[in-house]
Amino acid sequence: MAQIVLFHHVGGLTSGVLAFARTLRDAGHTVHAPDLFAGRTFADVHDGMAWADSVGEEVFAARAADAVAGLPADVVYGGMSMGCARAAEQVLARPGARGAFFLYGAVAPSWWDATWPDGVPTQAHTMSDDELREPDAEAEYAKIPGAELFVYEGSGHLFAEAGHPDHRPDAAATATGRVLAFLRDL
């Protein structure tokens, strides 16, 4: 079983994020879900993005680094939307990551002027018609050796978040199953 650090999306540490963490725990994994928003949550993705932009990426990067400082290096990093960047930063900054998975987007290591570390498996999940989809990042991500990029038909950003208007049950079930299989194979 894996030790996982799951970084939340721009909605904050919502009940949907906590439910996903619980799903991972129910599969036998240890899950850390740091609250980078210090209790603040947003029902609307755009409201969360506006607030996060007002605080600044560097603040959340520092909070994420602080959250993992006491953990062993060989954890799996999981990111959801904004949390994808936080998870990728840790993979790139802390040698020894066991793997990484991303929901609601992919990352481009060039954002950090870096290359993905050899031997760190990764997978990403997004929707084909997500208004926040980043095709350039996906194209770069897909070039990471062994990376798996899954694009599900449909729209909505937080498609795996039960209770959110973007929720797409079929895509959510498939993505969750793929993440669980990924973790089993590590």
Protein backbone atom coordinates (compact mmCIF):
# COMPACT_ATOMS: atom_id res chain seq x y z
CA MET A 1 0.00 0.00 0.00
CA ALA A 2 1.09 3.55 -0.69
CA GLN A 3 1.45 6.66 1.38
CA ILE A 4 -0.28 9.43 -0.61
CA VAL A 5 -0.32 13.21 -0.35
CA LEU A 6 -3.47 14.51 -2.04
CA PHE A 7 -3.54 18.22 -2.91
CA HIS A 8 -7.03 19.68 -3.33
CA HIS A 9 -8.47 21.76 -6.16
CA VAL A 10 -9.49 25.43 -6.23
CA GLY A 11 -12.65 24.62 -4.31
CA GLY A 12 -10.51 23.85 -1.27
CA LEU A 13 -10.71 20.81 0.96
CA THR A 14 -14.34 20.07 0.06
CA SER A 15 -16.45 17.10 1.07
CA GLY A 16 -15.84 15.70 -2.43
CA VAL A 17 -12.06 15.87 -1.99
CA LEU A 18 -12.40 14.23 1.42
CA ALA A 19 -14.63 11.52 -0.08
CA PHE A 20 -11.97 10.76 -2.71
CA ALA A 21 -9.33 10.57 0.03
CA ARG A 22 -11.61 8.18 1.92
CA THR A 23 -11.91 5.99 -1.19
CA LEU A 24 -8.13 5.74 -1.31
CA ARG A 25 -7.98 4.96 2.41
CA ASP A 26 -10.68 2.29 2.02
CA ALA A 27 -8.38 0.65 -0.54
CA GLY A 28 -5.72 0.40 2.18
CA HIS A 29 -3.61 3.48 1.47
CA THR A 30 -2.46 6.12 3.94
CA VAL A 31 -3.67 9.51 2.71
CA HIS A 32 -2.59 12.98 3.79
CA ALA A 33 -4.88 15.74 2.52
CA PRO A 34 -3.38 19.09 3.56
CA ASP A 35 -5.71 22.08 3.58
CA LEU A 36 -3.83 24.72 1.59
CA PHE A 37 -6.78 27.12 1.90
CA ALA A 38 -6.87 27.05 5.72
CA GLY A 39 -10.55 26.09 5.90
CA ARG A 40 -11.81 28.23 3.03
CA THR A 41 -13.93 26.47 0.38
CA PHE A 42 -15.61 27.59 -2.82
CA ALA A 43 -18.61 26.03 -4.58
CA ASP A 44 -17.79 27.79 -7.85
CA VAL A 45 -14.49 26.96 -9.60
CA HIS A 46 -14.08 30.52 -10.90
CA ASP A 47 -14.56 32.01 -7.42
CA GLY A 48 -11.89 29.67 -6.08
CA MET A 49 -9.55 30.56 -8.93
CA ALA A 50 -10.01 34.29 -8.32
CA TRP A 51 -9.29 33.92 -4.61
CA ALA A 52 -6.26 31.69 -5.22
CA ASP A 53 -4.91 34.19 -7.76
CA SER A 54 -5.30 36.99 -5.21
CA VAL A 55 -3.27 35.02 -2.65
CA GLY A 56 -0.60 33.92 -5.14
CA GLU A 57 0.91 30.69 -6.40
CA GLU A 58 4.04 31.14 -4.30
CA VAL A 59 1.99 31.05 -1.08
CA PHE A 60 0.36 27.73 -2.02
CA ALA A 61 3.68 26.30 -3.22
CA ALA A 62 5.20 27.14 0.18
CA ARG A 63 2.23 25.67 2.05
CA ALA A 64 2.48 22.46 0.03
CA ALA A 65 6.21 22.18 0.70
CA ASP A 66 5.58 22.70 4.42
CA ALA A 67 2.86 20.03 4.38
CA VAL A 68 5.22 17.35 3.08
CA ALA A 69 8.39 18.42 4.89
CA GLY A 70 8.07 15.75 7.60
CA LEU A 71 7.06 12.91 5.27
CA PRO A 72 9.34 10.30 3.73
CA ALA A 73 10.50 10.93 0.16
CA ASP A 74 8.86 7.83 -1.33
CA VAL A 75 5.27 9.02 -1.24
CA VAL A 76 2.79 9.19 -4.10
CA TYR A 77 1.60 12.69 -4.93
CA GLY A 78 -1.94 13.26 -6.09
CA GLY A 79 -3.26 16.54 -7.39
CA MET A 80 -6.69 17.80 -8.29
CA SER A 81 -6.85 20.82 -10.64
CA MET A 82 -4.76 23.50 -8.86
CA GLY A 83 -3.40 20.67 -6.72
CA CYS A 84 -1.81 19.14 -9.84
CA ALA A 85 0.81 21.91 -9.79
CA ARG A 86 1.41 21.39 -6.06
CA ALA A 87 1.87 17.63 -6.57
CA ALA A 88 4.18 18.08 -9.57
CA GLU A 89 6.29 20.62 -7.67
CA GLN A 90 6.92 18.05 -4.98
CA VAL A 91 7.84 15.33 -7.48
CA LEU A 92 10.30 17.73 -9.11
CA ALA A 93 11.72 19.13 -5.85
CA ARG A 94 11.88 16.04 -3.63
CA PRO A 95 13.77 13.12 -5.20
CA GLY A 96 12.35 9.68 -4.48
CA ALA A 97 8.66 10.07 -5.33
CA ARG A 98 6.96 6.72 -5.84
CA GLY A 99 4.49 8.10 -8.40
CA ALA A 100 2.01 10.87 -9.19
CA PHE A 101 -1.56 11.11 -10.42
CA PHE A 102 -3.48 14.15 -11.56
CA LEU A 103 -7.23 14.70 -11.73
CA TYR A 104 -8.75 17.55 -13.73
CA GLY A 105 -5.62 18.37 -15.67
CA ALA A 106 -2.06 17.54 -16.62
CA VAL A 107 1.19 19.30 -15.90
CA ALA A 108 4.05 20.47 -18.09
CA PRO A 109 7.41 20.07 -16.34
CA SER A 110 8.68 23.03 -18.37
CA TRP A 111 6.49 25.26 -16.17
CA TRP A 112 9.25 24.75 -13.60
CA ASP A 113 12.07 24.64 -16.17
CA ALA A 114 12.47 20.95 -15.34
CA THR A 115 12.14 17.48 -16.76
CA TRP A 116 10.12 14.68 -15.18
CA PRO A 117 12.33 12.39 -13.07
CA ASP A 118 13.20 9.04 -14.64
CA GLY A 119 11.30 6.11 -13.23
CA VAL A 120 8.45 8.07 -11.61
CA PRO A 121 5.18 6.68 -13.02
CA THR A 122 2.35 9.11 -13.59
CA GLN A 123 -1.15 9.38 -14.94
CA ALA A 124 -3.52 12.30 -15.62
CA HIS A 125 -7.30 12.52 -16.14
CA THR A 126 -9.27 15.29 -17.84
CA MET A 127 -12.47 15.89 -19.81
CA SER A 128 -12.47 16.54 -23.56
CA ASP A 129 -14.61 19.67 -23.37
CA ASP A 130 -13.38 21.11 -20.05
CA GLU A 131 -13.20 24.88 -20.48
CA LEU A 132 -10.06 24.86 -18.30
CA ARG A 133 -8.32 22.13 -20.28
CA GLU A 134 -4.71 22.91 -21.24
CA PRO A 135 -3.86 21.07 -24.48
CA ASP A 136 -0.26 22.37 -24.56
CA ALA A 137 0.39 21.03 -21.06
CA GLU A 138 -1.22 17.72 -22.02
CA ALA A 139 0.97 17.46 -25.12
CA GLU A 140 4.12 17.95 -23.05
CA TYR A 141 2.86 15.64 -20.32
CA ALA A 142 2.17 12.90 -22.87
CA LYS A 143 5.88 12.93 -23.83
CA ILE A 144 6.93 11.85 -20.32
CA PRO A 145 8.14 8.27 -20.72
CA GLY A 146 5.41 5.92 -19.50
CA ALA A 147 2.93 8.71 -18.69
CA GLU A 148 -0.74 7.83 -19.10
CA LEU A 149 -3.12 10.59 -20.19
CA PHE A 150 -6.83 9.77 -20.04
CA VAL A 151 -9.29 12.13 -21.72
CA TYR A 152 -12.95 11.41 -21.02
CA GLU A 153 -15.77 12.51 -23.30
CA GLY A 154 -17.82 15.37 -21.92
CA SER A 155 -17.60 18.72 -20.25
CA GLY A 156 -17.08 19.91 -16.74
CA HIS A 157 -13.93 20.45 -14.74
CA LEU A 158 -14.40 18.66 -11.40
CA PHE A 159 -15.97 15.62 -13.07
CA ALA A 160 -15.07 13.13 -10.32
CA GLU A 161 -16.35 15.31 -7.47
CA ALA A 162 -19.59 13.79 -6.18
CA GLY A 163 -22.12 16.49 -5.41
CA HIS A 164 -20.53 19.08 -7.69
CA PRO A 165 -22.45 20.30 -10.78
CA ASP A 166 -19.52 19.10 -12.96
CA HIS A 167 -19.81 15.53 -11.64
CA ARG A 168 -19.97 12.88 -14.37
CA PRO A 169 -20.60 9.54 -12.62
CA ASP A 170 -19.37 7.26 -15.43
CA ALA A 171 -16.14 9.18 -16.01
CA ALA A 172 -15.64 9.51 -12.25
CA ALA A 173 -15.97 5.76 -11.74
CA THR A 174 -13.56 5.01 -14.59
CA ALA A 175 -10.98 7.56 -13.41
CA THR A 176 -11.20 6.36 -9.81
CA GLY A 177 -10.75 2.77 -10.93
CA ARG A 178 -7.72 3.73 -12.98
CA VAL A 179 -6.16 5.64 -10.06
CA LEU A 180 -6.72 2.64 -7.76
CA ALA A 181 -5.15 0.29 -10.34
CA PHE A 182 -2.22 2.68 -10.76
CA LEU A 183 -1.66 2.66 -7.00
CA ARG A 184 -1.91 -1.14 -6.81
CA ASP A 185 0.76 -1.47 -9.49
CA LEU A 186 3.32 0.74 -7.74
